[in-house]
Amino acid sequence: MKKVGIVSCDKWIDKLEEDNNLKNALINLGIDAKIISWQQPLEEKYDLLVLKSVWGYQNFYKEFKNWLLYVKNNNIPLVNDVDMVLNNIMKDIQFNILEKNNVDFIDTIFLDQSKLLNKNIFEMLDDKSYVFKPTISGSGENTYLVTNSNDKSVPNTIQKEDIVKIYNKMLDDNSYCKIMIQPFISEISNGEYSCIFIDGKLTHTMLRFPNIFHEKRRPYLVDNVPDSIIQLARVVERIKEFNNYLYMRVDMVLVNSKAKIMEVELADPDLLTKYIDDSNVKSNVIKTFAKKIERRVR
């Protein structure tokens, strides 16, 4: 019997509906499936590891990278594969891949330790509002809005001098990390479109409302997806650097009716199935995921 490890972390192991549904779907296909934590010793032999709910790895990045390299160096099959995951985690590398393939994404400036953040950085920016975040991040952690407005009602708004202190310490403590600066996209209040692909198949599209800078709203399944969103997502899905991915989530926003990439998730994408109210759609997504995994281990 083939053995598949669904990789989670200490915080989320066995706690997530999506992981448990995937495990059960694999078991129904005759596969010995188990949810494991990357933070625990890999004591069993697996025919395939599926990187799943490793959320929070940004706070243990050195250890997580070492785990990935251990998997690679010991020829343990992992999907998505280690190089793809590492390149995806580092947002500057991810965006370089998008730029190389002429994919339109939100304008971004990257700062590393050689360009430590200081007040002079604001001289190269105009009077608009800007979003600052680490290149290795998750769930909006350490993401802030810097604005000249006196309106303090927007969550996570911060003053220029304060963000300089926060990020300079972060850059000093984490040599592998960089800071990315993007113009604030007001259209984000209308939601981000998340197109989810499983091994070449677009299974569903969700509209998400990340609550970093506005009121939290529940994601929901979208049937009538704008053509520009679908077209851009399919361009990304076919990028050669992403060849042989198992699953990905392409997050986009409409700016003046034009689709732009916010982020491509190939490391640990949440398929957002817990927000799908239609049980048939949810079941079909999980079954598709399980069958694509089965094909890779048979």
Protein backbone atom coordinates (compact mmCIF):
# COMPACT_ATOMS: atom_id res chain seq x y z
CA MET A 1 0.00 0.00 0.00
CA LYS A 2 1.35 3.43 -0.97
CA LYS A 3 1.96 5.86 1.89
CA VAL A 4 1.35 9.62 1.66
CA GLY A 5 2.22 12.20 4.29
CA ILE A 6 0.10 15.35 4.37
CA VAL A 7 2.53 17.87 5.83
CA SER A 8 1.20 20.26 8.46
CA CYS A 9 2.87 21.84 11.51
CA ASP A 10 2.63 21.45 15.27
CA LYS A 11 -0.03 24.15 15.55
CA TRP A 12 -2.40 22.82 12.88
CA ILE A 13 -1.84 19.06 12.71
CA ASP A 14 -5.15 17.14 12.60
CA LYS A 15 -7.12 20.35 13.25
CA LEU A 16 -8.12 21.44 9.76
CA GLU A 17 -11.16 20.29 7.84
CA GLU A 18 -9.41 20.50 4.49
CA ASP A 19 -6.46 18.35 5.60
CA ASN A 20 -8.72 15.75 7.20
CA ASN A 21 -11.01 15.62 4.18
CA LEU A 22 -8.00 15.07 1.92
CA LYS A 23 -6.68 12.32 4.19
CA ASN A 24 -10.04 10.53 4.14
CA ALA A 25 -10.33 10.87 0.36
CA LEU A 26 -6.87 9.29 -0.05
CA ILE A 27 -7.78 6.46 2.32
CA ASN A 28 -10.90 5.81 0.24
CA LEU A 29 -8.60 5.41 -2.77
CA GLY A 30 -6.64 2.73 -0.94
CA ILE A 31 -3.73 4.95 0.08
CA ASP A 32 -2.25 4.94 3.57
CA ALA A 33 -2.51 8.66 4.33
CA LYS A 34 -1.38 10.43 7.49
CA ILE A 35 -1.18 14.07 8.57
CA ILE A 36 2.28 14.85 9.92
CA SER A 37 4.14 17.91 11.21
CA TRP A 38 7.32 19.13 9.57
CA GLN A 39 8.47 20.16 13.05
CA GLN A 40 8.63 16.53 14.21
CA PRO A 41 11.19 13.89 13.14
CA LEU A 42 10.33 12.16 9.87
CA GLU A 43 10.37 8.64 11.30
CA GLU A 44 8.39 6.77 8.64
CA LYS A 45 9.06 6.22 4.97
CA TYR A 46 6.62 7.89 2.59
CA ASP A 47 6.10 7.41 -1.11
CA LEU A 48 5.06 11.06 -1.35
CA LEU A 49 4.83 14.10 0.90
CA VAL A 50 2.20 16.76 0.13
CA LEU A 51 3.08 20.17 1.57
CA LYS A 52 -0.09 21.51 3.09
CA SER A 53 -0.85 23.52 6.26
CA VAL A 54 2.69 24.54 7.22
CA TRP A 55 1.36 27.99 8.06
CA GLY A 56 3.54 30.11 10.28
CA TYR A 57 6.80 28.81 8.82
CA GLN A 58 7.94 32.42 8.36
CA ASN A 59 8.62 32.53 12.08
CA PHE A 60 10.84 29.43 11.81
CA TYR A 61 12.18 29.98 8.32
CA LYS A 62 15.72 28.75 8.93
CA GLU A 63 14.41 25.49 10.42
CA PHE A 64 11.78 25.11 7.71
CA LYS A 65 14.33 25.63 4.93
CA ASN A 66 16.61 23.05 6.55
CA TRP A 67 13.70 20.60 6.64
CA LEU A 68 13.01 21.18 2.95
CA LEU A 69 16.67 20.66 2.08
CA TYR A 70 16.72 17.47 4.17
CA VAL A 71 13.77 16.18 2.15
CA LYS A 72 15.50 17.09 -1.11
CA ASN A 73 18.90 15.67 -0.16
CA ASN A 74 17.34 12.39 0.94
CA ASN A 75 15.34 12.05 -2.30
CA ILE A 76 11.99 12.07 -0.52
CA PRO A 77 9.33 12.99 -3.11
CA LEU A 78 7.60 16.25 -2.20
CA VAL A 79 4.90 18.23 -3.99
CA ASN A 80 5.16 20.94 -4.76
CA ASP A 81 8.89 20.25 -5.13
CA VAL A 82 11.49 21.87 -2.87
CA ASP A 83 13.01 24.28 -5.39
CA MET A 84 9.58 25.48 -6.50
CA VAL A 85 8.56 26.04 -2.88
CA LEU A 86 11.73 27.93 -1.92
CA ASN A 87 11.47 30.17 -4.99
CA ASN A 88 7.81 30.81 -4.19
CA ILE A 89 8.38 31.65 -0.55
CA MET A 90 10.91 34.35 -1.44
CA LYS A 91 8.63 36.97 -2.96
CA ASP A 92 11.45 38.74 -4.79
CA ILE A 93 12.31 35.51 -6.62
CA GLN A 94 8.62 34.81 -7.25
CA PHE A 95 8.12 38.24 -8.79
CA ASN A 96 11.27 37.92 -10.87
CA ILE A 97 9.79 34.77 -12.39
CA LEU A 98 6.55 36.61 -13.13
CA GLU A 99 8.43 39.52 -14.70
CA LYS A 100 10.53 37.16 -16.80
CA ASN A 101 7.31 35.69 -18.17
CA ASN A 102 5.72 39.12 -18.83
CA VAL A 103 3.02 38.65 -16.20
CA ASP A 104 1.45 41.84 -14.88
CA PHE A 105 1.73 42.22 -11.10
CA ILE A 106 1.45 45.03 -8.58
CA ASP A 107 4.45 47.41 -8.82
CA THR A 108 6.94 46.40 -6.13
CA ILE A 109 10.20 47.75 -4.69
CA PHE A 110 12.46 45.32 -2.81
CA LEU A 111 14.92 46.39 -0.11
CA ASP A 112 17.60 44.15 1.38
CA GLN A 113 20.27 44.72 4.02
CA SER A 114 22.42 46.65 1.56
CA LYS A 115 19.60 49.19 1.34
CA LEU A 116 18.51 49.36 4.95
CA LEU A 117 15.20 51.08 5.37
CA ASN A 118 15.58 54.70 6.45
CA LYS A 119 13.63 57.89 6.17
CA ASN A 120 15.30 58.64 2.85
CA ILE A 121 13.37 55.77 1.26
CA PHE A 122 10.26 57.92 1.48
CA GLU A 123 11.87 60.51 -0.76
CA MET A 124 11.62 58.08 -3.67
CA LEU A 125 7.94 57.56 -2.99
CA ASP A 126 5.19 60.01 -3.82
CA ASP A 127 2.40 61.16 -1.52
CA LYS A 128 0.33 58.05 -2.07
CA SER A 129 -0.25 55.33 0.52
CA TYR A 130 2.10 52.35 0.46
CA VAL A 131 2.01 48.84 1.85
CA PHE A 132 5.17 47.51 3.50
CA LYS A 133 5.67 43.81 4.19
CA PRO A 134 8.45 41.22 4.51
CA THR A 135 9.29 39.08 1.48
CA ILE A 136 8.76 36.01 3.67
CA SER A 137 5.39 36.39 5.33
CA GLY A 138 2.00 34.86 5.92
CA SER A 139 -1.51 35.89 7.00
CA GLY A 140 -0.64 39.56 6.85
CA GLU A 141 1.94 39.30 9.63
CA ASN A 142 4.19 42.40 9.88
CA THR A 143 2.28 44.06 7.02
CA TYR A 144 1.61 47.77 7.43
CA LEU A 145 0.10 50.73 5.62
CA VAL A 146 2.07 53.97 5.54
CA THR A 147 0.02 56.99 4.55
CA ASN A 148 0.16 60.78 4.80
CA SER A 149 -3.50 60.79 5.77
CA ASN A 150 -4.49 61.63 9.33
CA ASP A 151 -7.18 58.97 9.16
CA LYS A 152 -6.22 56.37 11.78
CA SER A 153 -9.37 54.29 11.29
CA VAL A 154 -7.65 51.93 8.82
CA PRO A 155 -6.17 48.92 10.69
CA ASN A 156 -2.38 48.40 10.64
CA THR A 157 -1.64 52.00 9.68
CA ILE A 158 1.77 53.07 10.97
CA GLN A 159 3.95 56.17 10.99
CA LYS A 160 7.10 56.37 8.84
CA GLU A 161 9.49 56.58 11.77
CA ASP A 162 7.91 53.56 13.46
CA ILE A 163 8.11 51.33 10.40
CA VAL A 164 11.77 52.23 9.98
CA LYS A 165 12.49 50.90 13.49
CA ILE A 166 10.44 47.72 13.02
CA TYR A 167 11.89 46.72 9.69
CA ASN A 168 15.49 47.63 10.38
CA LYS A 169 15.40 45.28 13.36
CA MET A 170 13.79 42.62 11.18
CA LEU A 171 16.47 42.98 8.52
CA ASP A 172 19.21 42.83 11.16
CA ASP A 173 17.75 39.67 12.73
CA ASN A 174 16.92 37.90 9.48
CA SER A 175 19.62 38.10 6.83
CA TYR A 176 17.49 36.06 4.43
CA CYS A 177 14.59 38.49 4.56
CA LYS A 178 13.90 41.57 2.46
CA ILE A 179 11.24 44.26 2.62
CA MET A 180 8.78 44.83 -0.21
CA ILE A 181 6.93 48.09 -0.83
CA GLN A 182 3.79 48.31 -2.96
CA PRO A 183 1.31 51.12 -3.65
CA PHE A 184 -1.90 50.65 -1.70
CA ILE A 185 -4.56 49.29 -4.05
CA SER A 186 -7.91 50.71 -2.95
CA GLU A 187 -9.71 48.19 -5.16
CA ILE A 188 -8.64 45.49 -2.71
CA SER A 189 -11.76 46.40 -0.73
CA ASN A 190 -13.71 44.75 -3.58
CA GLY A 191 -11.89 41.51 -2.89
CA GLU A 192 -9.10 39.36 -4.32
CA TYR A 193 -9.91 36.67 -6.86
CA SER A 194 -8.22 33.39 -5.99
CA CYS A 195 -8.11 30.88 -8.85
CA ILE A 196 -7.22 27.41 -7.59
CA PHE A 197 -5.55 24.93 -9.94
CA ILE A 198 -4.91 21.26 -9.20
CA ASP A 199 -2.47 19.62 -11.61
CA GLY A 200 -3.60 21.69 -14.59
CA LYS A 201 -7.30 21.85 -13.74
CA LEU A 202 -9.01 25.05 -12.58
CA THR A 203 -11.24 23.57 -9.89
CA HIS A 204 -12.79 26.73 -8.45
CA THR A 205 -12.41 30.47 -7.91
CA MET A 206 -12.99 32.23 -4.61
CA LEU A 207 -13.39 35.91 -3.80
CA ARG A 208 -11.36 36.70 -0.68
CA PHE A 209 -11.29 39.76 1.55
CA PRO A 210 -7.99 39.81 3.46
CA ASN A 211 -8.74 41.83 6.57
CA ILE A 212 -5.40 43.55 6.97
CA PHE A 213 -6.69 47.01 6.06
CA HIS A 214 -10.45 46.68 6.19
CA GLU A 215 -13.29 44.83 7.82
CA LYS A 216 -13.08 41.05 7.67
CA ARG A 217 -15.53 39.36 5.30
CA ARG A 218 -16.08 35.71 4.58
CA PRO A 219 -14.66 34.40 1.25
CA TYR A 220 -17.17 32.91 -1.14
CA LEU A 221 -17.28 30.82 -4.31
CA VAL A 222 -17.53 32.83 -7.54
CA ASP A 223 -19.31 31.52 -10.63
CA ASN A 224 -19.12 34.55 -12.92
CA VAL A 225 -15.40 35.25 -12.90
CA PRO A 226 -14.21 38.17 -15.10
CA ASP A 227 -12.50 36.95 -18.27
CA SER A 228 -9.37 39.00 -17.54
CA ILE A 229 -8.95 37.15 -14.23
CA ILE A 230 -9.28 33.72 -15.84
CA GLN A 231 -6.95 34.62 -18.70
CA LEU A 232 -4.20 35.92 -16.43
CA ALA A 233 -4.52 32.93 -14.09
CA ARG A 234 -4.09 30.53 -17.01
CA VAL A 235 -0.99 32.40 -18.20
CA VAL A 236 0.52 31.99 -14.73
CA GLU A 237 -0.48 28.32 -14.53
CA ARG A 238 1.49 27.60 -17.70
CA ILE A 239 4.74 29.29 -16.63
CA LYS A 240 7.58 26.83 -17.27
CA GLU A 241 9.16 27.45 -13.85
CA PHE A 242 5.95 26.09 -12.33
CA ASN A 243 5.99 22.95 -14.46
CA ASN A 244 4.74 19.80 -12.73
CA TYR A 245 3.16 21.66 -9.81
CA LEU A 246 0.50 19.70 -7.94
CA TYR A 247 -1.52 22.67 -6.84
CA MET A 248 -1.40 26.45 -6.86
CA ARG A 249 -3.51 29.45 -5.95
CA VAL A 250 -3.29 32.58 -8.08
CA ASP A 251 -4.42 35.69 -6.18
CA MET A 252 -5.40 38.68 -8.32
CA VAL A 253 -7.10 42.04 -8.05
CA LEU A 254 -8.89 44.15 -10.64
CA VAL A 255 -7.34 47.61 -11.06
CA ASN A 256 -9.29 49.78 -13.50
CA SER A 257 -10.85 46.54 -14.82
CA LYS A 258 -7.38 45.07 -15.50
CA ALA A 259 -6.22 41.94 -13.70
CA LYS A 260 -2.98 42.17 -11.72
CA ILE A 261 -1.21 39.52 -9.68
CA MET A 262 -1.12 40.01 -5.94
CA GLU A 263 0.62 36.71 -5.23
CA VAL A 264 1.07 33.18 -6.53
CA GLU A 265 0.88 30.52 -3.82
CA LEU A 266 2.80 27.33 -4.56
CA ALA A 267 4.21 26.62 -1.10
CA ASP A 268 1.22 26.13 1.18
CA PRO A 269 -1.91 27.36 -0.60
CA ASP A 270 -5.14 27.12 1.32
CA LEU A 271 -7.71 25.77 -1.16
CA LEU A 272 -10.39 27.62 0.86
CA THR A 273 -12.76 24.64 0.67
CA LYS A 274 -14.11 25.32 4.16
CA TYR A 275 -15.81 28.40 2.70
CA ILE A 276 -17.58 26.48 -0.08
CA ASP A 277 -21.22 26.05 0.92
CA ASP A 278 -22.09 23.73 -1.97
CA SER A 279 -21.19 20.28 -0.62
CA ASN A 280 -20.95 18.80 -4.13
CA VAL A 281 -18.42 21.40 -5.26
CA LYS A 282 -16.39 20.98 -2.06
CA SER A 283 -16.42 17.19 -2.41
CA ASN A 284 -15.37 17.35 -6.07
CA VAL A 285 -12.40 19.62 -5.27
CA ILE A 286 -11.13 17.25 -2.57
CA LYS A 287 -11.70 14.18 -4.77
CA THR A 288 -9.83 15.82 -7.65
CA PHE A 289 -6.95 16.63 -5.31
CA ALA A 290 -6.84 13.07 -3.98
CA LYS A 291 -6.96 11.51 -7.45
CA LYS A 292 -4.14 13.72 -8.70
CA ILE A 293 -2.05 12.63 -5.72
CA GLU A 294 -2.95 8.99 -6.37
CA ARG A 295 -1.73 9.33 -9.95
CA ARG A 296 1.66 10.49 -8.69
CA VAL A 297 2.20 7.60 -6.29
CA ARG A 298 0.86 4.67 -8.36
